[in-house]
Amino acid sequence: MCVTDSAGNTMPLWCLLVLLALPDPTVTTNPGVKVQITQQGLDYGRQIGIAYLQEKLKSISIPDISGSEKVSPIGKVEYRLSGMRITDLGLPQSSLGLVPGTGISLSIGNAFINLHGDWHVKYLKFIKDSGSFDLAVSGLTIKATISVGRDETGRPTISSNGCTASVGGVRVKFHGGASWLYNLFTSFIEKQLRRSLEQKICPLVHDGISDLNPQLKTLNVLAKVDKYAEIEYSMVTPPSISNFLIELSLKGEFYNIGQHQEPPFSAPPFSLPPQTSSMLYIGLSSFMANSAGFVYNRAGALSLYITDDMVPSSSPIRLNTKTFGVFIPEISKRFPDMMMKLLLKTSTQPNVTFEPNNVTLQATGTLTAYAILPNTTLEPLFILNMDASVSGNFYISGLKLVGSLQLNGFDMSLGTSYVGEFQVKPLHNIFMLVMKLAVIPKVNEYLQQGFPLPAIGRMNLINSKLQVQKVRLVTPQKPDKCSMLKLHLCSSLFQAVIS
């Protein structure tokens, strides 16, 4: 699934940098999720990040500067600059760039800083003078590189890998005091202030980048779904960085909570087509959906008791022995005027496939019919083997993938009968109605709760679009297999776009 963020959301720079975490290079697990961050996405994040960095740089603390100089014909002049504080700071030109195979470059140009402070001088041993000054720094440039890594939990970390800062022009305007002193400050103090600023800027850039790490630690590496399942979103391979986008791989696998048992199938390698028209793309492969089926089937959660109160009162079909006795007379003979209960459960994990604009789920299971005896115990009547096919419609709501299912159809065959032999086909319409009126609404009620997507902090997705596509499986030996439309050779995905 690919997702794109609009300029209306509040995703800061760290929301994009989170996706750049470098994993352990020894891990070879194929991902269930791929993410692409485009240059457009970086540009949006830059706007938020630069605003934060600008506030950070305003906190620059410049220590007092003092010294002495010989000024003819007066002799030695002692000076001190104190109380320096920033009154204005601007970063009008900035860019974030992609360095193929390396990381991200940050460049800031034509920045300016205005300061105000006080000056003091003493000469001829007893004469003192003082006043204030305004300092205008122009042509300030900052260049930094950002490297990314991950901690032991699989969460990302970032750090500044290098930084240079240079001051273009410095102009000082003094207020008060004797004018002959101004040349002293203009020629020498400017140099001192330039050096002090250049030494202060890069440490603040380093700190500003490091300050994002607490936010990165909010990545939902283990995103809880419900009492049965959680999704792991840790990184499985290093990011791939090109001139146009950053692609990274997340595990994207469902697990039983506290029991991370791998399914009897593995994630196939798949490629997400390069796309650059939107900010962010997230691709969820069918492996992720099928790992969910494995988890819920293993937990015994794919079963449902169906009772008459789940069938709308307007329906002519009731779950009682009178209705079923019309088709199976032995039922009404042995269990007259009794309510019934149905147990629907899977016998194997469902299989999910993605086709263009279509999600299909194939499920195999059993349906057991019971008569509810007067003492409330259940008496089994028959067991049917069922193969069902449903289609899904999915969309993104906030940071969740939400969906609904509709029944395509199902086949039934008799497994076991406790009421004698009977024909299954006449019951098809009854069970079709029960599935549509009772089972599917119950499943959809659960799907409306949604499944969490990878996210950080207060990140949100705005104007997201979701597409279902088939994509090429990465098969170096036989790269053309997918073009033959052999489903078992092609990986598929949800694609969501955030513009």
Protein backbone atom coordinates (compact mmCIF):
# COMPACT_ATOMS: atom_id res chain seq x y z
CA MET A 1 0.00 0.00 0.00
CA CYS A 2 1.47 3.40 -0.85
CA VAL A 3 0.57 6.48 1.15
CA THR A 4 1.26 10.18 0.47
CA ASP A 5 1.18 13.09 2.94
CA SER A 6 -0.28 16.45 2.01
CA ALA A 7 1.12 19.84 2.80
CA GLY A 8 -1.74 20.27 5.22
CA ASN A 9 -0.48 17.87 7.85
CA THR A 10 1.88 18.49 10.70
CA MET A 11 4.53 15.90 9.92
CA PRO A 12 7.91 17.40 10.93
CA LEU A 13 11.32 16.56 9.57
CA TRP A 14 11.79 13.70 12.00
CA CYS A 15 8.64 12.00 10.61
CA LEU A 16 10.55 11.57 7.38
CA LEU A 17 13.95 10.81 8.86
CA VAL A 18 12.47 7.95 10.87
CA LEU A 19 12.16 5.95 7.72
CA LEU A 20 15.90 6.16 7.09
CA ALA A 21 17.04 3.98 9.96
CA LEU A 22 19.91 1.70 8.99
CA PRO A 23 19.36 -1.89 10.16
CA ASP A 24 21.83 -4.62 10.94
CA PRO A 25 23.36 -5.43 7.52
CA THR A 26 23.48 -9.12 8.40
CA VAL A 27 19.67 -9.38 8.41
CA THR A 28 18.40 -10.86 5.15
CA THR A 29 14.66 -11.12 5.88
CA ASN A 30 12.55 -9.88 2.99
CA PRO A 31 10.21 -7.03 3.91
CA GLY A 32 6.45 -7.13 4.05
CA VAL A 33 6.36 -3.33 3.78
CA LYS A 34 8.33 -0.91 1.63
CA VAL A 35 8.41 2.85 2.01
CA GLN A 36 9.51 5.47 -0.50
CA ILE A 37 10.26 9.04 0.53
CA THR A 38 10.58 11.35 -2.42
CA GLN A 39 12.40 14.65 -2.77
CA GLN A 40 9.00 16.30 -2.47
CA GLY A 41 8.57 14.64 0.90
CA LEU A 42 11.99 15.79 2.05
CA ASP A 43 11.20 19.33 0.92
CA TYR A 44 8.05 19.36 3.03
CA GLY A 45 9.89 18.00 6.03
CA ARG A 46 12.61 20.60 5.50
CA GLN A 47 10.14 23.43 6.03
CA ILE A 48 9.20 22.11 9.45
CA GLY A 49 12.76 21.16 10.36
CA ILE A 50 14.24 24.51 9.40
CA ALA A 51 11.69 26.32 11.56
CA TYR A 52 12.77 24.14 14.49
CA LEU A 53 16.48 24.68 13.74
CA GLN A 54 15.94 28.42 13.51
CA GLU A 55 14.52 28.46 17.03
CA LYS A 56 17.41 26.31 18.18
CA LEU A 57 20.00 28.71 16.73
CA LYS A 58 18.32 31.64 18.45
CA SER A 59 19.50 30.13 21.71
CA ILE A 60 23.15 30.69 20.79
CA SER A 61 24.96 31.96 23.87
CA ILE A 62 28.00 34.06 23.05
CA PRO A 63 30.45 34.45 25.94
CA ASP A 64 31.95 37.77 26.83
CA ILE A 65 35.00 38.74 24.80
CA SER A 66 37.86 40.65 26.41
CA GLY A 67 41.44 41.56 25.60
CA SER A 68 43.77 44.44 24.99
CA GLU A 69 45.31 46.23 22.01
CA LYS A 70 47.92 48.93 21.54
CA VAL A 71 46.43 52.04 19.98
CA SER A 72 48.76 54.85 18.98
CA PRO A 73 49.31 57.34 20.51
CA ILE A 74 47.27 56.27 23.58
CA GLY A 75 48.99 52.99 24.19
CA LYS A 76 47.36 49.93 25.70
CA VAL A 77 43.55 49.82 25.53
CA GLU A 78 41.68 47.12 27.45
CA TYR A 79 38.28 46.16 26.08
CA ARG A 80 35.35 43.88 26.95
CA LEU A 81 32.20 42.92 25.04
CA SER A 82 29.39 41.61 27.24
CA GLY A 83 25.68 40.82 27.34
CA MET A 84 25.57 39.74 23.71
CA ARG A 85 22.22 38.35 22.61
CA ILE A 86 20.55 37.53 19.32
CA THR A 87 17.79 39.92 18.32
CA ASP A 88 16.96 38.40 14.95
CA LEU A 89 17.92 35.33 12.92
CA GLY A 90 16.80 34.13 9.49
CA LEU A 91 17.44 31.06 7.36
CA PRO A 92 15.89 32.16 4.04
CA GLN A 93 17.59 29.58 1.81
CA SER A 94 17.79 25.90 2.70
CA SER A 95 17.68 22.51 1.05
CA LEU A 96 17.72 18.83 1.92
CA GLY A 97 19.37 16.66 -0.69
CA LEU A 98 19.80 12.96 -1.28
CA VAL A 99 23.32 11.59 -1.46
CA PRO A 100 23.06 8.25 -3.31
CA GLY A 101 24.10 5.39 -1.11
CA THR A 102 25.00 7.70 1.77
CA GLY A 103 22.28 9.74 3.42
CA ILE A 104 20.95 13.29 3.51
CA SER A 105 22.74 16.58 3.07
CA LEU A 106 21.54 19.78 4.73
CA SER A 107 22.50 23.10 3.20
CA ILE A 108 21.62 26.57 4.50
CA GLY A 109 22.69 29.70 2.67
CA ASN A 110 22.38 33.47 2.86
CA ALA A 111 21.41 33.27 6.53
CA PHE A 112 21.71 36.28 8.82
CA ILE A 113 22.07 36.97 12.52
CA ASN A 114 21.63 40.30 14.32
CA LEU A 115 23.05 40.76 17.83
CA HIS A 116 23.04 43.48 20.44
CA GLY A 117 25.55 43.88 23.26
CA ASP A 118 27.55 46.27 25.42
CA TRP A 119 31.17 47.40 25.11
CA HIS A 120 33.59 48.69 27.73
CA VAL A 121 37.14 50.12 27.42
CA LYS A 122 39.85 51.30 29.82
CA TYR A 123 42.98 53.19 28.81
CA LEU A 124 45.63 55.43 30.30
CA LYS A 125 45.08 53.32 33.46
CA PHE A 126 42.15 55.35 34.72
CA ILE A 127 39.97 56.49 31.81
CA LYS A 128 36.91 54.33 31.15
CA ASP A 129 34.30 54.47 28.42
CA SER A 130 31.31 52.33 27.48
CA GLY A 131 28.32 52.03 25.20
CA SER A 132 26.34 49.51 23.20
CA PHE A 133 26.68 47.97 19.77
CA ASP A 134 24.64 46.17 17.11
CA LEU A 135 26.22 43.42 15.05
CA ALA A 136 24.84 42.30 11.69
CA VAL A 137 26.12 38.98 10.32
CA SER A 138 25.26 38.25 6.69
CA GLY A 139 26.09 35.55 4.20
CA LEU A 140 26.08 32.82 6.84
CA THR A 141 26.30 29.32 5.34
CA ILE A 142 25.81 25.99 7.11
CA LYS A 143 26.42 22.58 5.58
CA ALA A 144 25.76 19.33 7.44
CA THR A 145 25.39 15.65 6.65
CA ILE A 146 22.94 13.40 8.49
CA SER A 147 23.68 9.74 9.13
CA VAL A 148 21.09 7.29 10.37
CA GLY A 149 21.19 4.09 12.39
CA ARG A 150 19.08 2.06 14.75
CA ASP A 151 19.11 1.01 18.36
CA GLU A 152 18.75 -2.46 19.82
CA THR A 153 14.95 -2.28 19.60
CA GLY A 154 14.92 -1.66 15.86
CA ARG A 155 14.01 1.99 16.27
CA PRO A 156 15.89 4.62 14.28
CA THR A 157 18.57 6.98 15.52
CA ILE A 158 20.10 9.93 13.68
CA SER A 159 23.23 12.00 14.15
CA SER A 160 25.14 14.78 12.46
CA ASN A 161 28.04 13.25 10.60
CA GLY A 162 29.72 16.54 9.74
CA CYS A 163 29.11 20.26 9.83
CA THR A 164 30.76 23.42 8.58
CA ALA A 165 29.67 27.00 9.20
CA SER A 166 31.12 30.16 7.73
CA VAL A 167 30.25 33.80 8.19
CA GLY A 168 30.21 36.03 5.13
CA GLY A 169 30.06 39.66 6.20
CA VAL A 170 30.13 41.24 9.66
CA ARG A 171 29.09 44.85 10.27
CA VAL A 172 29.26 46.54 13.66
CA LYS A 173 27.52 49.76 14.64
CA PHE A 174 28.60 51.33 17.93
CA HIS A 175 26.58 53.63 20.11
CA GLY A 176 28.19 56.02 22.61
CA GLY A 177 31.84 56.60 23.42
CA ALA A 178 34.60 58.30 21.49
CA SER A 179 34.57 57.83 17.74
CA TRP A 180 38.30 57.12 17.60
CA LEU A 181 37.61 53.83 19.37
CA TYR A 182 35.35 52.56 16.62
CA ASN A 183 38.16 51.57 14.30
CA LEU A 184 39.60 49.39 17.03
CA PHE A 185 36.37 47.46 17.37
CA THR A 186 35.67 47.38 13.66
CA SER A 187 39.02 45.90 12.67
CA PHE A 188 39.65 43.52 15.54
CA ILE A 189 36.41 42.78 17.34
CA GLU A 190 34.66 41.79 14.12
CA LYS A 191 37.21 39.03 13.70
CA GLN A 192 36.68 37.85 17.27
CA LEU A 193 32.91 37.78 16.91
CA ARG A 194 33.12 35.96 13.59
CA ARG A 195 35.27 33.22 15.12
CA SER A 196 33.01 32.91 18.16
CA LEU A 197 29.87 32.53 16.03
CA GLU A 198 31.42 29.96 13.73
CA GLN A 199 32.45 27.89 16.73
CA LYS A 200 28.98 28.04 18.26
CA ILE A 201 26.78 27.22 15.25
CA CYS A 202 27.83 23.65 14.44
CA PRO A 203 27.46 22.30 18.00
CA LEU A 204 23.90 23.66 17.99
CA VAL A 205 23.22 21.97 14.64
CA HIS A 206 24.58 18.71 16.08
CA ASP A 207 22.36 19.11 19.14
CA GLY A 208 19.33 20.03 17.05
CA ILE A 209 19.64 16.84 15.02
CA SER A 210 20.27 14.71 18.12
CA ASP A 211 17.24 16.26 19.81
CA LEU A 212 15.05 14.46 17.28
CA ASN A 213 16.00 11.03 18.64
CA PRO A 214 13.42 11.00 21.48
CA GLN A 215 10.76 11.54 18.83
CA LEU A 216 12.15 8.73 16.71
CA LYS A 217 11.84 6.39 19.68
CA THR A 218 8.06 6.71 19.40
CA LEU A 219 8.08 4.60 16.21
CA ASN A 220 5.57 1.79 16.70
CA VAL A 221 8.06 -1.01 16.04
CA LEU A 222 5.50 -3.30 17.68
CA ALA A 223 2.05 -1.95 16.88
CA LYS A 224 -0.66 -3.66 18.90
CA VAL A 225 -3.75 -4.59 16.89
CA ASP A 226 -5.94 -6.37 19.45
CA LYS A 227 -5.67 -9.02 22.16
CA TYR A 228 -4.43 -11.54 19.62
CA ALA A 229 -1.97 -9.75 17.34
CA GLU A 230 0.67 -7.11 16.90
CA ILE A 231 2.54 -5.93 13.81
CA GLU A 232 6.33 -5.60 13.71
CA TYR A 233 7.63 -2.63 11.75
CA SER A 234 11.36 -2.92 12.40
CA MET A 235 13.86 -2.31 9.59
CA VAL A 236 15.17 -5.44 7.83
CA THR A 237 17.64 -4.02 5.26
CA PRO A 238 19.60 -0.79 4.86
CA PRO A 239 17.77 1.98 3.00
CA SER A 240 18.36 2.34 -0.70
CA ILE A 241 19.10 5.96 -1.55
CA SER A 242 19.06 7.27 -5.10
CA ASN A 243 19.06 10.74 -6.60
CA PHE A 244 15.26 10.81 -6.50
CA LEU A 245 14.02 8.93 -3.46
CA ILE A 246 14.80 6.87 -0.40
CA GLU A 247 13.42 3.37 -0.27
CA LEU A 248 13.45 1.39 2.93
CA SER A 249 12.19 -1.96 4.05
CA LEU A 250 10.15 -2.78 7.17
CA LYS A 251 9.36 -6.26 8.39
CA GLY A 252 5.62 -5.72 8.19
CA GLU A 253 4.61 -9.01 9.77
CA PHE A 254 1.77 -9.97 12.11
CA TYR A 255 2.65 -11.97 15.23
CA ASN A 256 0.72 -13.40 18.12
CA ILE A 257 1.35 -11.09 21.04
CA GLY A 258 4.40 -12.30 22.94
CA GLN A 259 4.84 -15.32 20.64
CA HIS A 260 6.76 -14.42 17.52
CA GLN A 261 6.45 -17.66 15.61
CA GLU A 262 7.21 -17.45 11.90
CA PRO A 263 4.54 -18.70 9.48
CA PRO A 264 5.19 -21.71 7.21
CA PHE A 265 5.80 -19.31 4.32
CA SER A 266 8.20 -16.43 3.85
CA ALA A 267 7.94 -12.98 2.37
CA PRO A 268 8.94 -12.96 -1.31
CA PRO A 269 11.23 -10.14 -2.46
CA PHE A 270 9.19 -7.54 -4.31
CA SER A 271 9.96 -4.23 -5.94
CA LEU A 272 7.99 -1.05 -5.47
CA PRO A 273 7.97 0.95 -8.73
CA PRO A 274 9.86 4.25 -8.31
CA GLN A 275 7.41 7.12 -8.01
CA THR A 276 8.10 10.78 -7.36
CA SER A 277 4.85 12.72 -7.81
CA SER A 278 3.86 12.56 -4.13
CA MET A 279 5.64 12.83 -0.82
CA LEU A 280 5.43 9.37 0.68
CA TYR A 281 4.55 5.90 -0.57
CA ILE A 282 3.97 2.82 1.58
CA GLY A 283 3.62 -0.59 -0.03
CA LEU A 284 2.06 -3.44 1.98
CA SER A 285 2.57 -6.81 0.33
CA SER A 286 0.14 -9.71 0.46
CA PHE A 287 2.64 -11.47 2.75
CA MET A 288 1.63 -9.06 5.50
CA ALA A 289 -2.06 -9.89 5.03
CA ASN A 290 -1.37 -13.62 4.93
CA SER A 291 0.78 -13.43 8.07
CA ALA A 292 -2.32 -11.95 9.74
CA GLY A 293 -4.34 -14.94 8.60
CA PHE A 294 -1.73 -17.30 10.05
CA VAL A 295 -1.72 -15.47 13.39
CA TYR A 296 -5.49 -15.31 13.85
CA ASN A 297 -5.99 -18.87 12.70
CA ARG A 298 -3.29 -20.05 15.10
CA ALA A 299 -4.94 -18.11 17.93
CA GLY A 300 -8.29 -19.73 17.21
CA ALA A 301 -9.80 -16.32 16.58
CA LEU A 302 -11.23 -17.16 13.16
CA SER A 303 -14.40 -18.72 14.48
CA LEU A 304 -17.84 -17.32 15.05
CA TYR A 305 -20.99 -18.57 16.74
CA ILE A 306 -24.07 -17.48 14.81
CA THR A 307 -27.37 -17.24 16.67
CA ASP A 308 -30.85 -16.22 15.61
CA ASP A 309 -30.61 -12.81 17.23
CA MET A 310 -27.83 -11.95 14.74
CA VAL A 311 -30.26 -12.37 11.86
CA PRO A 312 -32.42 -9.27 11.21
CA SER A 313 -35.97 -9.67 12.49
CA SER A 314 -37.30 -8.89 9.01
CA SER A 315 -35.67 -11.99 7.56
CA PRO A 316 -38.02 -14.91 6.80
CA ILE A 317 -35.20 -17.31 7.55
CA ARG A 318 -34.82 -18.14 11.25
CA LEU A 319 -32.18 -20.27 12.89
CA ASN A 320 -34.50 -22.91 14.29
CA THR A 321 -35.33 -26.56 13.68
CA LYS A 322 -38.61 -25.62 11.99
CA THR A 323 -36.77 -23.79 9.16
CA PHE A 324 -34.15 -26.51 8.67
CA GLY A 325 -36.72 -29.27 9.13
CA VAL A 326 -38.25 -28.29 5.81
CA PHE A 327 -35.06 -29.49 4.11
CA ILE A 328 -33.99 -32.12 6.63
CA PRO A 329 -37.16 -33.67 8.14
CA GLU A 330 -35.19 -35.69 10.69
CA ILE A 331 -34.22 -32.44 12.42
CA SER A 332 -37.78 -31.29 13.13
CA LYS A 333 -38.78 -34.85 14.07
CA ARG A 334 -36.04 -35.33 16.68
CA PHE A 335 -35.70 -31.73 17.83
CA PRO A 336 -39.10 -30.05 17.42
CA ASP A 337 -39.48 -26.28 17.97
CA MET A 338 -35.90 -25.68 19.11
CA MET A 339 -33.57 -22.83 18.33
CA MET A 340 -30.30 -23.54 16.57
CA LYS A 341 -26.75 -22.26 16.75
CA LEU A 342 -24.12 -22.38 14.00
CA LEU A 343 -20.35 -22.50 14.50
CA LEU A 344 -18.30 -21.20 11.57
CA LYS A 345 -14.53 -21.62 11.80
CA THR A 346 -11.56 -21.87 9.49
CA SER A 347 -9.72 -25.14 9.12
CA THR A 348 -6.64 -23.58 7.52
CA GLN A 349 -5.35 -20.03 7.34
CA PRO A 350 -7.10 -17.84 4.76
CA ASN A 351 -5.20 -16.86 1.64
CA VAL A 352 -5.21 -13.24 0.48
CA THR A 353 -4.31 -12.15 -3.04
CA PHE A 354 -4.13 -8.65 -4.52
CA GLU A 355 -5.13 -7.95 -8.09
CA PRO A 356 -5.46 -4.50 -9.68
CA ASN A 357 -8.17 -2.71 -7.67
CA ASN A 358 -9.28 -5.92 -6.01
CA VAL A 359 -8.49 -7.82 -2.83
CA THR A 360 -9.67 -11.42 -2.67
CA LEU A 361 -9.67 -13.73 0.35
CA GLN A 362 -10.13 -17.47 -0.01
CA ALA A 363 -11.10 -19.32 3.18
CA THR A 364 -11.63 -23.00 3.88
CA GLY A 365 -13.51 -24.09 6.97
CA THR A 366 -16.38 -25.91 8.53
CA LEU A 367 -19.87 -24.97 9.57
CA THR A 368 -21.35 -26.99 12.41
CA ALA A 369 -25.09 -26.80 13.13
CA TYR A 370 -26.39 -27.42 16.66
CA ALA A 371 -29.81 -27.73 18.18
CA ILE A 372 -30.14 -25.87 21.48
CA LEU A 373 -31.75 -28.32 23.89
CA PRO A 374 -34.14 -27.17 26.67
CA ASN A 375 -31.30 -27.47 29.19
CA THR A 376 -29.20 -25.13 26.90
CA THR A 377 -26.71 -27.81 25.91
CA LEU A 378 -25.82 -28.12 22.24
CA GLU A 379 -26.64 -31.19 20.20
CA PRO A 380 -24.66 -31.44 16.93
CA LEU A 381 -26.80 -31.91 13.81
CA PHE A 382 -24.35 -31.83 10.91
CA ILE A 383 -20.98 -30.48 9.78
CA LEU A 384 -20.49 -28.89 6.37
CA ASN A 385 -17.16 -28.29 4.63
CA MET A 386 -17.06 -24.81 3.13
CA ASP A 387 -14.86 -22.93 0.65
CA ALA A 388 -15.69 -19.23 0.57
CA SER A 389 -14.47 -16.29 -1.48
CA VAL A 390 -14.82 -12.68 -0.37
CA SER A 391 -13.68 -9.37 -1.85
CA GLY A 392 -12.36 -6.48 0.20
CA ASN A 393 -12.54 -2.71 -0.03
CA PHE A 394 -9.91 -0.84 1.97
CA TYR A 395 -9.09 2.77 2.73
CA ILE A 396 -6.91 4.77 5.10
CA SER A 397 -8.43 6.44 8.13
CA GLY A 398 -5.94 8.45 10.13
CA LEU A 399 -3.04 6.08 10.70
CA LYS A 400 -5.02 2.89 10.19
CA LEU A 401 -5.90 0.65 7.31
CA VAL A 402 -9.65 0.11 7.46
CA GLY A 403 -11.71 -2.22 5.32
CA SER A 404 -14.90 -4.11 4.64
CA LEU A 405 -15.71 -7.41 2.94
CA GLN A 406 -18.42 -8.61 0.65
CA LEU A 407 -19.26 -12.22 -0.09
CA ASN A 408 -18.54 -13.43 -3.61
CA GLY A 409 -19.80 -16.96 -3.06
CA PHE A 410 -19.05 -20.32 -1.45
CA ASP A 411 -19.21 -24.05 -2.04
CA MET A 412 -20.52 -26.55 0.49
CA SER A 413 -20.19 -30.28 0.90
CA LEU A 414 -21.40 -32.60 3.64
CA GLY A 415 -18.71 -33.57 6.10
CA THR A 416 -20.59 -35.35 8.88
CA SER A 417 -24.31 -35.81 9.51
CA TYR A 418 -25.95 -36.83 12.79
CA VAL A 419 -29.45 -36.66 11.31
CA GLY A 420 -29.12 -39.02 8.35
CA GLU A 421 -28.21 -38.35 4.76
CA PHE A 422 -29.53 -35.20 3.08
CA GLN A 423 -28.88 -33.02 0.06
CA VAL A 424 -26.69 -29.99 0.78
CA LYS A 425 -27.58 -27.94 -2.29
CA PRO A 426 -31.10 -26.95 -1.11
CA LEU A 427 -29.48 -25.32 1.96
CA HIS A 428 -27.25 -23.07 -0.13
CA ASN A 429 -29.63 -20.11 -0.26
CA ILE A 430 -30.25 -20.30 3.49
CA PHE A 431 -26.57 -20.18 4.32
CA MET A 432 -25.92 -17.50 1.71
CA LEU A 433 -28.47 -15.33 3.50
CA VAL A 434 -26.99 -16.15 6.91
CA MET A 435 -23.51 -15.27 5.67
CA LYS A 436 -24.63 -11.95 4.24
CA LEU A 437 -26.89 -10.94 7.11
CA ALA A 438 -24.95 -12.22 10.11
CA VAL A 439 -21.37 -13.24 9.34
CA ILE A 440 -20.14 -10.52 6.97
CA PRO A 441 -21.54 -7.64 9.11
CA LYS A 442 -19.78 -9.08 12.16
CA VAL A 443 -16.47 -9.34 10.33
CA ASN A 444 -16.85 -5.82 8.93
CA GLU A 445 -17.55 -4.49 12.40
CA TYR A 446 -14.12 -5.76 13.40
CA LEU A 447 -12.39 -4.49 10.23
CA GLN A 448 -13.73 -1.01 10.92
CA GLN A 449 -11.45 -0.89 13.96
CA GLY A 450 -8.53 -0.87 11.51
CA PHE A 451 -4.93 -2.03 11.54
CA PRO A 452 -2.17 0.39 12.56
CA LEU A 453 0.30 1.64 9.96
CA PRO A 454 3.91 2.53 10.82
CA ALA A 455 3.91 5.93 12.50
CA ILE A 456 5.81 8.26 14.80
CA GLY A 457 4.45 10.48 17.53
CA ARG A 458 1.65 12.71 16.30
CA MET A 459 2.30 11.99 12.65
CA ASN A 460 -0.85 11.92 10.54
CA LEU A 461 -1.67 11.11 6.93
CA ILE A 462 -3.74 13.64 5.00
CA ASN A 463 -5.29 13.27 1.56
CA SER A 464 -4.15 9.67 1.30
CA LYS A 465 -5.13 7.50 -1.62
CA LEU A 466 -5.06 3.73 -1.77
CA GLN A 467 -4.58 1.54 -4.81
CA VAL A 468 -4.36 -2.22 -5.14
CA GLN A 469 -1.76 -3.30 -7.67
CA LYS A 470 0.28 -6.23 -8.82
CA VAL A 471 4.03 -5.65 -8.82
CA ARG A 472 7.06 -7.50 -10.06
CA LEU A 473 8.65 -10.12 -7.88
CA VAL A 474 12.41 -9.82 -7.73
CA THR A 475 13.56 -13.04 -9.46
CA PRO A 476 17.05 -12.58 -10.94
CA GLN A 477 17.08 -15.92 -12.77
CA LYS A 478 13.70 -15.49 -14.46
CA PRO A 479 12.90 -11.79 -14.47
CA ASP A 480 10.00 -12.08 -16.92
CA LYS A 481 7.83 -14.49 -14.95
CA CYS A 482 5.46 -11.81 -13.70
CA SER A 483 4.74 -10.62 -17.20
CA MET A 484 3.19 -14.06 -17.77
CA LEU A 485 0.57 -13.23 -15.11
CA LYS A 486 1.28 -16.39 -13.16
CA LEU A 487 -0.20 -15.39 -9.84
CA HIS A 488 1.98 -17.65 -7.72
CA LEU A 489 5.09 -15.91 -9.03
CA CYS A 490 3.93 -12.34 -8.59
CA SER A 491 4.00 -10.36 -5.40
CA SER A 492 1.16 -7.96 -4.88
CA LEU A 493 0.60 -4.91 -2.75
CA PHE A 494 -1.61 -2.18 -1.49
CA GLN A 495 -0.38 1.15 -2.72
CA ALA A 496 -1.33 4.29 -0.91
CA VAL A 497 -0.32 7.79 -1.95
CA ILE A 498 0.01 10.95 0.12
CA SER A 499 0.35 14.06 -2.00
